[in-house]
Amino acid sequence: MAGTTRAEKTRQTRLRMLEAAREQFVAHGYGATKLQEIADRAGVSVQTIYFTFGNKRTVLKELLDHEVAGDDSPVATLQRPWFQAVLDAPTAREQLAAHVEGVCEVSARVAPVVEVLRVAAATDPELTDLWRANVDARATVQDVAATALVRKPGARAGLSVPHVADVLFGLLSPELYLVLVRDRGWSPERWRGWTLDTLAAQLLTG
């Protein structure tokens, strides 16, 4: 029992540090944020952050992983229940609806953090690999979704998997989500409806 309590306390402290890092990175940017500021906001010593994460780059990487997942379980997007439901949808239209709904939930969490990484990677070569890995992971998810979609009833005839994957990658990108929701003031619900309608017009029959 004591061991479990200590483990849960450690887990909660880690989550508190990640939340503090999110607030600082999004508000001030990666470069301007100091680990001491994250520690102060989380209510821990800066040594605790060094002990837990090692450096600021690892803080950003683990924050990105956490925001993509929505929890601290080490399960990749491709194995997440929401994405499995996307792949298991019986028709192309139902798949698109489930996909857009899932991405809307993920984007609300992760899009601001992806923007932090994109800006930071432009001037910090040590973050370039993390940025590329993020882009590659998103592309893989959309390629898997596209492969499933083109085989289902309701998909427009003649679509290639690479084309569908590119359309999904672009319209479901965190960058476009931020343009419309953050910059243009759309609600997430409006984004979801517009994105689904746009994808349907591009990829579905009828």
Protein backbone atom coordinates (compact mmCIF):
# COMPACT_ATOMS: atom_id res chain seq x y z
CA MET A 1 0.00 0.00 0.00
CA ALA A 2 2.79 2.42 0.91
CA GLY A 3 4.61 1.62 -2.33
CA THR A 4 1.44 2.23 -4.32
CA THR A 5 0.88 5.53 -2.54
CA ARG A 6 4.43 6.67 -3.27
CA ALA A 7 4.09 5.67 -6.92
CA GLU A 8 0.84 7.58 -7.27
CA LYS A 9 2.34 10.62 -5.57
CA THR A 10 5.28 10.49 -8.00
CA ARG A 11 2.86 10.18 -10.91
CA GLN A 12 0.82 13.16 -9.77
CA THR A 13 3.95 15.26 -9.32
CA ARG A 14 5.07 14.38 -12.85
CA LEU A 15 1.67 15.36 -14.26
CA ARG A 16 1.78 18.63 -12.33
CA MET A 17 5.18 19.43 -13.82
CA LEU A 18 3.94 18.66 -17.33
CA GLU A 19 0.90 20.88 -16.86
CA ALA A 20 3.12 23.69 -15.60
CA ALA A 21 5.40 23.20 -18.60
CA ARG A 22 2.42 23.39 -20.94
CA GLU A 23 1.26 26.66 -19.43
CA GLN A 24 4.73 28.21 -19.60
CA PHE A 25 5.62 26.96 -23.09
CA VAL A 26 2.32 28.03 -24.63
CA ALA A 27 2.33 31.42 -22.92
CA HIS A 28 5.99 32.33 -23.39
CA GLY A 29 7.49 29.95 -25.94
CA TYR A 30 10.05 27.21 -25.53
CA GLY A 31 13.15 29.38 -25.72
CA ALA A 32 11.99 31.96 -23.20
CA THR A 33 10.85 29.40 -20.63
CA LYS A 34 13.29 28.41 -17.90
CA LEU A 35 13.07 25.17 -15.96
CA GLN A 36 13.05 27.18 -12.75
CA GLU A 37 9.83 28.87 -13.90
CA ILE A 38 8.25 25.49 -14.57
CA ALA A 39 9.38 24.27 -11.16
CA ASP A 40 7.96 27.34 -9.43
CA ARG A 41 4.62 26.93 -11.16
CA ALA A 42 4.48 23.22 -10.34
CA GLY A 43 5.49 23.78 -6.73
CA VAL A 44 8.58 21.60 -6.90
CA SER A 45 12.32 22.19 -6.83
CA VAL A 46 14.15 22.59 -10.11
CA GLN A 47 16.22 19.59 -9.07
CA THR A 48 13.05 17.50 -9.18
CA ILE A 49 12.54 18.47 -12.81
CA TYR A 50 16.14 17.61 -13.67
CA PHE A 51 15.84 14.28 -11.84
CA THR A 52 12.56 13.42 -13.57
CA PHE A 53 13.22 14.64 -17.11
CA GLY A 54 16.90 15.43 -17.41
CA ASN A 55 16.57 18.57 -19.55
CA LYS A 56 14.09 20.97 -21.13
CA ARG A 57 13.97 19.11 -24.46
CA THR A 58 12.78 15.97 -22.71
CA VAL A 59 10.13 17.98 -20.87
CA LEU A 60 8.77 19.17 -24.23
CA LYS A 61 8.92 15.68 -25.75
CA GLU A 62 7.08 14.08 -22.85
CA LEU A 63 4.55 16.90 -22.79
CA LEU A 64 3.88 16.36 -26.49
CA ASP A 65 3.42 12.62 -25.95
CA HIS A 66 1.07 13.26 -23.05
CA GLU A 67 -1.06 15.75 -24.97
CA VAL A 68 -1.36 13.47 -27.99
CA ALA A 69 -2.49 10.61 -25.78
CA GLY A 70 -4.58 12.55 -23.29
CA ASP A 71 -3.14 10.48 -20.45
CA ASP A 72 0.15 9.01 -19.28
CA SER A 73 -0.45 5.50 -20.60
CA PRO A 74 2.27 4.49 -23.10
CA VAL A 75 -0.15 3.50 -25.86
CA ALA A 76 0.42 4.78 -29.38
CA THR A 77 -2.36 6.50 -31.34
CA LEU A 78 -2.69 3.52 -33.68
CA GLN A 79 -3.62 1.32 -30.70
CA ARG A 80 -5.88 3.84 -28.97
CA PRO A 81 -9.55 2.78 -28.65
CA TRP A 82 -10.78 5.91 -30.45
CA PHE A 83 -8.58 5.21 -33.45
CA GLN A 84 -9.45 1.53 -33.50
CA ALA A 85 -13.10 2.63 -33.66
CA VAL A 86 -12.20 4.78 -36.68
CA LEU A 87 -10.69 1.80 -38.47
CA ASP A 88 -13.57 -0.49 -37.49
CA ALA A 89 -16.31 1.82 -38.79
CA PRO A 90 -18.32 -0.07 -41.44
CA THR A 91 -18.64 2.76 -43.98
CA ALA A 92 -16.38 5.52 -45.20
CA ARG A 93 -18.80 8.17 -43.94
CA GLU A 94 -18.91 6.69 -40.44
CA GLN A 95 -15.14 6.41 -40.44
CA LEU A 96 -14.71 10.06 -41.35
CA ALA A 97 -17.16 11.15 -38.66
CA ALA A 98 -15.35 9.15 -35.99
CA HIS A 99 -11.95 10.32 -37.24
CA VAL A 100 -12.85 14.01 -37.20
CA GLU A 101 -14.42 13.72 -33.75
CA GLY A 102 -11.33 12.00 -32.36
CA VAL A 103 -8.92 14.45 -33.94
CA CYS A 104 -10.97 17.38 -32.64
CA GLU A 105 -10.49 16.12 -29.09
CA VAL A 106 -6.78 15.50 -29.61
CA SER A 107 -6.18 18.84 -31.35
CA ALA A 108 -7.74 20.82 -28.53
CA ARG A 109 -5.00 19.45 -26.28
CA VAL A 110 -2.02 19.09 -28.56
CA ALA A 111 -2.24 21.81 -31.22
CA PRO A 112 -0.78 24.60 -29.05
CA VAL A 113 2.10 22.33 -28.00
CA VAL A 114 2.80 21.32 -31.60
CA GLU A 115 3.02 25.03 -32.42
CA VAL A 116 5.53 25.53 -29.60
CA LEU A 117 7.64 22.72 -31.05
CA ARG A 118 7.37 24.00 -34.62
CA VAL A 119 8.55 27.47 -33.69
CA ALA A 120 11.31 26.19 -31.41
CA ALA A 121 12.63 23.69 -33.98
CA ALA A 122 13.13 26.51 -36.49
CA THR A 123 15.91 27.96 -34.32
CA ASP A 124 17.01 25.02 -32.17
CA PRO A 125 18.65 22.22 -34.20
CA GLU A 126 18.39 19.88 -31.22
CA LEU A 127 14.59 19.91 -31.63
CA THR A 128 14.59 19.22 -35.36
CA ASP A 129 14.43 15.44 -34.92
CA LEU A 130 11.53 15.76 -32.49
CA TRP A 131 9.64 17.93 -34.97
CA ARG A 132 10.28 15.49 -37.82
CA ALA A 133 9.23 12.57 -35.65
CA ASN A 134 5.97 14.33 -34.84
CA VAL A 135 5.25 15.01 -38.51
CA ASP A 136 6.13 11.43 -39.45
CA ALA A 137 3.88 10.02 -36.73
CA ARG A 138 0.95 12.12 -37.92
CA ALA A 139 1.57 11.03 -41.51
CA THR A 140 1.61 7.37 -40.46
CA VAL A 141 -1.71 7.71 -38.66
CA GLN A 142 -3.34 9.30 -41.70
CA ASP A 143 -1.86 6.70 -44.04
CA VAL A 144 -3.37 3.90 -41.96
CA ALA A 145 -6.73 5.70 -41.90
CA ALA A 146 -6.60 6.30 -45.68
CA THR A 147 -5.82 2.64 -46.37
CA ALA A 148 -8.91 1.63 -44.43
CA LEU A 149 -11.17 4.32 -45.89
CA VAL A 150 -10.64 3.68 -49.61
CA ARG A 151 -11.84 0.07 -49.21
CA LYS A 152 -15.14 0.93 -47.56
CA PRO A 153 -18.58 1.52 -49.08
CA GLY A 154 -19.21 5.20 -49.65
CA ALA A 155 -15.64 6.12 -50.57
CA ARG A 156 -15.29 7.92 -53.88
CA ALA A 157 -14.11 5.59 -56.64
CA GLY A 158 -10.59 5.99 -57.97
CA LEU A 159 -9.06 7.54 -54.86
CA SER A 160 -5.49 6.54 -54.11
CA VAL A 161 -4.27 5.93 -50.59
CA PRO A 162 -1.49 8.57 -50.87
CA HIS A 163 -3.98 11.20 -52.03
CA VAL A 164 -6.44 10.44 -49.23
CA ALA A 165 -3.62 10.39 -46.68
CA ASP A 166 -2.43 13.82 -47.84
CA VAL A 167 -5.95 15.28 -47.67
CA LEU A 168 -6.40 13.91 -44.15
CA PHE A 169 -2.95 15.11 -43.12
CA GLY A 170 -3.68 18.65 -44.29
CA LEU A 171 -7.27 19.16 -43.15
CA LEU A 172 -6.78 17.41 -39.81
CA SER A 173 -3.48 19.12 -39.06
CA PRO A 174 -2.96 20.94 -35.75
CA GLU A 175 -1.74 23.90 -37.80
CA LEU A 176 -5.09 24.34 -39.55
CA TYR A 177 -6.95 23.73 -36.30
CA LEU A 178 -5.09 26.64 -34.73
CA VAL A 179 -5.71 28.92 -37.71
CA LEU A 180 -9.46 28.45 -37.46
CA VAL A 181 -10.05 27.91 -33.73
CA ARG A 182 -7.39 30.11 -32.15
CA ASP A 183 -6.81 32.75 -34.81
CA ARG A 184 -10.27 33.03 -36.40
CA GLY A 185 -12.29 32.33 -33.26
CA TRP A 186 -14.15 29.23 -34.44
CA SER A 187 -15.55 26.92 -31.80
CA PRO A 188 -14.24 23.34 -31.86
CA GLU A 189 -17.75 22.26 -32.84
CA ARG A 190 -17.72 24.56 -35.86
CA TRP A 191 -14.28 23.27 -36.83
CA ARG A 192 -15.51 19.69 -36.54
CA GLY A 193 -18.57 20.29 -38.70
CA TRP A 194 -16.70 22.21 -41.40
CA THR A 195 -13.86 19.68 -41.51
CA LEU A 196 -16.23 16.75 -41.81
CA ASP A 197 -18.22 18.45 -44.58
CA THR A 198 -15.03 19.34 -46.45
CA LEU A 199 -13.58 15.85 -46.17
CA ALA A 200 -16.88 14.32 -47.22
CA ALA A 201 -17.00 16.49 -50.33
CA GLN A 202 -13.47 15.40 -51.22
CA LEU A 203 -13.57 11.73 -50.35
CA LEU A 204 -17.13 10.38 -50.35
CA THR A 205 -19.72 9.62 -52.99
CA GLY A 206 -23.08 11.37 -53.09
